[in-house]
Amino acid sequence: MSASKQKSNNPPVAKIRVSGVSVSIWENKGEKSTSYSATFERRYRDGEGNWHSSASHNADDLLALAKAADLAHTKILELQAVGE
């Protein structure tokens, strides 16, 4: 099963939103340890008002993306500390 299929079967352990950018944090349990990964997404509305998702970010998103990555890093460190 692909990693994206595995992630869709289990919800993220945390989700962070900054403006239109969101980060999902995924727990990856192995036999000997647990690790975490993050996926980033940008939500936007089209001309008709329908919501869409994109993994592509424009220049206006970069500061929000950087802040979301910083917050995701902090959250992963917290999750790792709890698991120790």
N, C-alpha and C. Protein backbone atom coordinates (compact mmCIF):
# COMPACT_ATOMS: atom_id res chain seq x y z
N MET A 1 0.85 -1.17 0.00
CA MET A 1 0.00 0.00 0.00
C MET A 1 0.89 1.23 0.00
N SER A 2 0.53 2.25 -0.77
CA SER A 2 1.36 3.45 -0.85
C SER A 2 1.23 4.27 0.42
N ALA A 3 2.21 5.15 0.63
CA ALA A 3 2.20 5.98 1.84
C ALA A 3 0.97 6.87 1.87
N SER A 4 0.55 7.41 0.72
CA SER A 4 -0.63 8.27 0.71
C SER A 4 -1.89 7.49 1.05
N LYS A 5 -1.97 6.22 0.63
CA LYS A 5 -3.12 5.38 0.98
C LYS A 5 -3.12 5.09 2.48
N GLN A 6 -1.94 4.79 3.04
CA GLN A 6 -1.85 4.53 4.47
C GLN A 6 -2.30 5.74 5.26
N LYS A 7 -1.87 6.92 4.86
CA LYS A 7 -2.22 8.13 5.57
C LYS A 7 -3.71 8.41 5.49
N SER A 8 -4.35 8.05 4.39
CA SER A 8 -5.78 8.32 4.27
C SER A 8 -6.60 7.39 5.16
N ASN A 9 -6.05 6.23 5.57
CA ASN A 9 -6.76 5.30 6.43
C ASN A 9 -6.74 5.72 7.89
N ASN A 10 -5.73 6.45 8.31
CA ASN A 10 -5.60 6.90 9.68
C ASN A 10 -5.60 8.42 9.70
N PRO A 11 -6.31 9.01 10.64
CA PRO A 11 -6.30 10.48 10.69
C PRO A 11 -4.96 10.99 11.18
N PRO A 12 -4.64 12.23 10.86
CA PRO A 12 -3.40 12.81 11.38
C PRO A 12 -3.49 12.95 12.90
N VAL A 13 -2.34 12.91 13.57
CA VAL A 13 -2.32 13.07 15.03
C VAL A 13 -2.45 14.53 15.41
N ALA A 14 -2.19 15.43 14.47
CA ALA A 14 -2.35 16.87 14.70
C ALA A 14 -2.53 17.57 13.36
N LYS A 15 -3.21 18.69 13.39
CA LYS A 15 -3.38 19.51 12.20
C LYS A 15 -3.21 20.96 12.62
N ILE A 16 -2.43 21.70 11.84
CA ILE A 16 -2.13 23.09 12.13
C ILE A 16 -2.52 23.92 10.91
N ARG A 17 -3.17 25.06 11.17
CA ARG A 17 -3.56 25.95 10.07
C ARG A 17 -2.99 27.35 10.31
N VAL A 18 -2.40 27.91 9.29
CA VAL A 18 -1.95 29.29 9.30
C VAL A 18 -2.42 29.90 7.99
N SER A 19 -3.34 30.85 8.09
CA SER A 19 -3.98 31.43 6.90
C SER A 19 -4.56 30.30 6.05
N GLY A 20 -4.23 30.24 4.77
CA GLY A 20 -4.76 29.19 3.91
C GLY A 20 -3.90 27.94 3.85
N VAL A 21 -2.82 27.90 4.63
CA VAL A 21 -1.90 26.76 4.62
C VAL A 21 -2.20 25.87 5.81
N SER A 22 -2.25 24.56 5.57
CA SER A 22 -2.43 23.64 6.68
C SER A 22 -1.36 22.56 6.62
N VAL A 23 -1.02 22.05 7.80
CA VAL A 23 -0.05 20.98 7.94
C VAL A 23 -0.71 19.84 8.69
N SER A 24 -0.63 18.65 8.14
CA SER A 24 -1.10 17.45 8.84
C SER A 24 0.13 16.69 9.32
N ILE A 25 0.10 16.30 10.59
CA ILE A 25 1.22 15.54 11.16
C ILE A 25 0.77 14.10 11.32
N TRP A 26 1.58 13.20 10.79
CA TRP A 26 1.25 11.78 10.75
C TRP A 26 2.20 11.00 11.65
N GLU A 27 1.65 10.04 12.36
CA GLU A 27 2.44 9.15 13.20
C GLU A 27 2.75 7.89 12.42
N ASN A 28 4.02 7.51 12.43
CA ASN A 28 4.49 6.32 11.72
C ASN A 28 5.10 5.37 12.74
N LYS A 29 4.32 4.37 13.18
CA LYS A 29 4.80 3.44 14.19
C LYS A 29 5.55 2.30 13.53
N GLY A 30 6.80 2.14 13.96
CA GLY A 30 7.63 1.04 13.50
C GLY A 30 7.75 0.00 14.59
N GLU A 31 8.46 -1.05 14.30
CA GLU A 31 8.66 -2.11 15.29
C GLU A 31 9.45 -1.62 16.50
N LYS A 32 10.43 -0.75 16.27
CA LYS A 32 11.31 -0.31 17.35
C LYS A 32 11.09 1.14 17.78
N SER A 33 10.49 1.94 16.93
CA SER A 33 10.32 3.35 17.28
C SER A 33 9.15 3.96 16.51
N THR A 34 8.79 5.14 16.92
CA THR A 34 7.75 5.92 16.26
C THR A 34 8.37 7.17 15.68
N SER A 35 8.02 7.48 14.45
CA SER A 35 8.49 8.70 13.82
C SER A 35 7.28 9.50 13.35
N TYR A 36 7.52 10.73 12.95
CA TYR A 36 6.44 11.61 12.52
C TYR A 36 6.82 12.25 11.19
N SER A 37 5.82 12.50 10.37
CA SER A 37 6.03 13.19 9.11
C SER A 37 4.94 14.25 8.97
N ALA A 38 5.16 15.16 8.04
CA ALA A 38 4.21 16.25 7.85
C ALA A 38 3.91 16.42 6.36
N THR A 39 2.65 16.71 6.07
CA THR A 39 2.25 17.05 4.71
C THR A 39 1.63 18.44 4.74
N PHE A 40 1.88 19.21 3.70
CA PHE A 40 1.42 20.59 3.61
C PHE A 40 0.39 20.73 2.50
N GLU A 41 -0.57 21.61 2.72
CA GLU A 41 -1.65 21.79 1.76
C GLU A 41 -2.10 23.25 1.80
N ARG A 42 -2.48 23.75 0.65
CA ARG A 42 -3.05 25.10 0.56
C ARG A 42 -4.49 24.96 0.09
N ARG A 43 -5.40 25.60 0.82
CA ARG A 43 -6.82 25.58 0.44
C ARG A 43 -7.16 26.91 -0.22
N TYR A 44 -7.96 26.85 -1.27
CA TYR A 44 -8.36 28.06 -1.97
C TYR A 44 -9.73 27.86 -2.61
N ARG A 45 -10.38 28.95 -2.90
CA ARG A 45 -11.67 28.92 -3.60
C ARG A 45 -11.47 29.32 -5.06
N ASP A 46 -12.21 28.63 -5.93
CA ASP A 46 -12.16 29.00 -7.34
C ASP A 46 -13.15 30.15 -7.59
N GLY A 47 -13.28 30.56 -8.82
CA GLY A 47 -14.16 31.67 -9.18
C GLY A 47 -15.63 31.43 -8.87
N GLU A 48 -16.01 30.16 -8.74
CA GLU A 48 -17.40 29.82 -8.43
C GLU A 48 -17.62 29.60 -6.94
N GLY A 49 -16.58 29.77 -6.13
CA GLY A 49 -16.72 29.61 -4.69
C GLY A 49 -16.49 28.19 -4.17
N ASN A 50 -16.06 27.28 -5.04
CA ASN A 50 -15.78 25.90 -4.62
C ASN A 50 -14.38 25.79 -4.03
N TRP A 51 -14.26 25.01 -2.95
CA TRP A 51 -12.97 24.82 -2.30
C TRP A 51 -12.13 23.77 -3.02
N HIS A 52 -10.82 24.01 -3.08
CA HIS A 52 -9.86 23.09 -3.68
C HIS A 52 -8.61 23.02 -2.80
N SER A 53 -7.81 21.98 -2.99
CA SER A 53 -6.55 21.81 -2.28
C SER A 53 -5.41 21.76 -3.28
N SER A 54 -4.25 22.24 -2.85
CA SER A 54 -3.07 22.20 -3.69
C SER A 54 -1.84 22.00 -2.82
N ALA A 55 -0.86 21.30 -3.35
CA ALA A 55 0.43 21.16 -2.67
C ALA A 55 1.40 22.22 -3.17
N SER A 56 0.95 23.04 -4.10
CA SER A 56 1.77 24.11 -4.66
C SER A 56 1.49 25.40 -3.90
N HIS A 57 2.53 26.19 -3.66
CA HIS A 57 2.39 27.42 -2.90
C HIS A 57 2.96 28.57 -3.69
N ASN A 58 2.23 29.70 -3.69
CA ASN A 58 2.74 30.87 -4.39
C ASN A 58 3.51 31.76 -3.42
N ALA A 59 4.06 32.84 -3.92
CA ALA A 59 4.90 33.72 -3.11
C ALA A 59 4.15 34.25 -1.89
N ASP A 60 2.86 34.53 -2.03
CA ASP A 60 2.08 35.06 -0.91
C ASP A 60 1.89 34.03 0.20
N ASP A 61 2.05 32.75 -0.10
CA ASP A 61 1.86 31.68 0.89
C ASP A 61 3.13 31.36 1.68
N LEU A 62 4.27 31.82 1.23
CA LEU A 62 5.52 31.33 1.78
C LEU A 62 5.74 31.68 3.25
N LEU A 63 5.33 32.85 3.69
CA LEU A 63 5.49 33.20 5.09
C LEU A 63 4.59 32.33 5.96
N ALA A 64 3.33 32.12 5.52
CA ALA A 64 2.41 31.23 6.25
C ALA A 64 2.94 29.80 6.25
N LEU A 65 3.51 29.37 5.14
CA LEU A 65 4.10 28.03 5.05
C LEU A 65 5.26 27.88 6.03
N ALA A 66 6.12 28.88 6.09
CA ALA A 66 7.25 28.84 7.02
C ALA A 66 6.76 28.80 8.47
N LYS A 67 5.77 29.59 8.81
CA LYS A 67 5.23 29.60 10.17
C LYS A 67 4.58 28.26 10.49
N ALA A 68 3.82 27.71 9.55
CA ALA A 68 3.17 26.41 9.75
C ALA A 68 4.23 25.32 9.94
N ALA A 69 5.33 25.39 9.18
CA ALA A 69 6.41 24.40 9.33
C ALA A 69 7.06 24.54 10.70
N ASP A 70 7.25 25.75 11.17
CA ASP A 70 7.83 25.98 12.50
C ASP A 70 6.92 25.40 13.58
N LEU A 71 5.62 25.66 13.49
CA LEU A 71 4.67 25.13 14.47
C LEU A 71 4.60 23.60 14.41
N ALA A 72 4.68 23.04 13.20
CA ALA A 72 4.66 21.59 13.04
C ALA A 72 5.90 20.98 13.68
N HIS A 73 7.03 21.60 13.50
CA HIS A 73 8.28 21.11 14.11
C HIS A 73 8.15 21.09 15.63
N THR A 74 7.62 22.16 16.21
CA THR A 74 7.41 22.23 17.65
C THR A 74 6.47 21.13 18.12
N LYS A 75 5.39 20.92 17.38
CA LYS A 75 4.41 19.89 17.76
C LYS A 75 5.04 18.50 17.69
N ILE A 76 5.83 18.23 16.67
CA ILE A 76 6.49 16.93 16.56
C ILE A 76 7.45 16.72 17.71
N LEU A 77 8.20 17.76 18.10
CA LEU A 77 9.09 17.63 19.26
C LEU A 77 8.30 17.31 20.53
N GLU A 78 7.13 17.94 20.69
CA GLU A 78 6.27 17.64 21.84
C GLU A 78 5.79 16.20 21.82
N LEU A 79 5.37 15.73 20.65
CA LEU A 79 4.89 14.35 20.53
C LEU A 79 6.01 13.36 20.81
N GLN A 80 7.21 13.66 20.36
CA GLN A 80 8.35 12.78 20.61
C GLN A 80 8.69 12.75 22.11
N ALA A 81 8.58 13.88 22.78
CA ALA A 81 8.89 13.95 24.21
C ALA A 81 7.89 13.14 25.02
N VAL A 82 6.63 13.16 24.63
CA VAL A 82 5.59 12.38 25.32
C VAL A 82 5.83 10.90 25.13
N GLY A 83 6.32 10.52 23.94
CA GLY A 83 6.53 9.10 23.63
C GLY A 83 7.77 8.50 24.28
N GLU A 84 8.64 9.32 24.82
CA GLU A 84 9.89 8.80 25.40
C GLU A 84 9.65 8.19 26.76
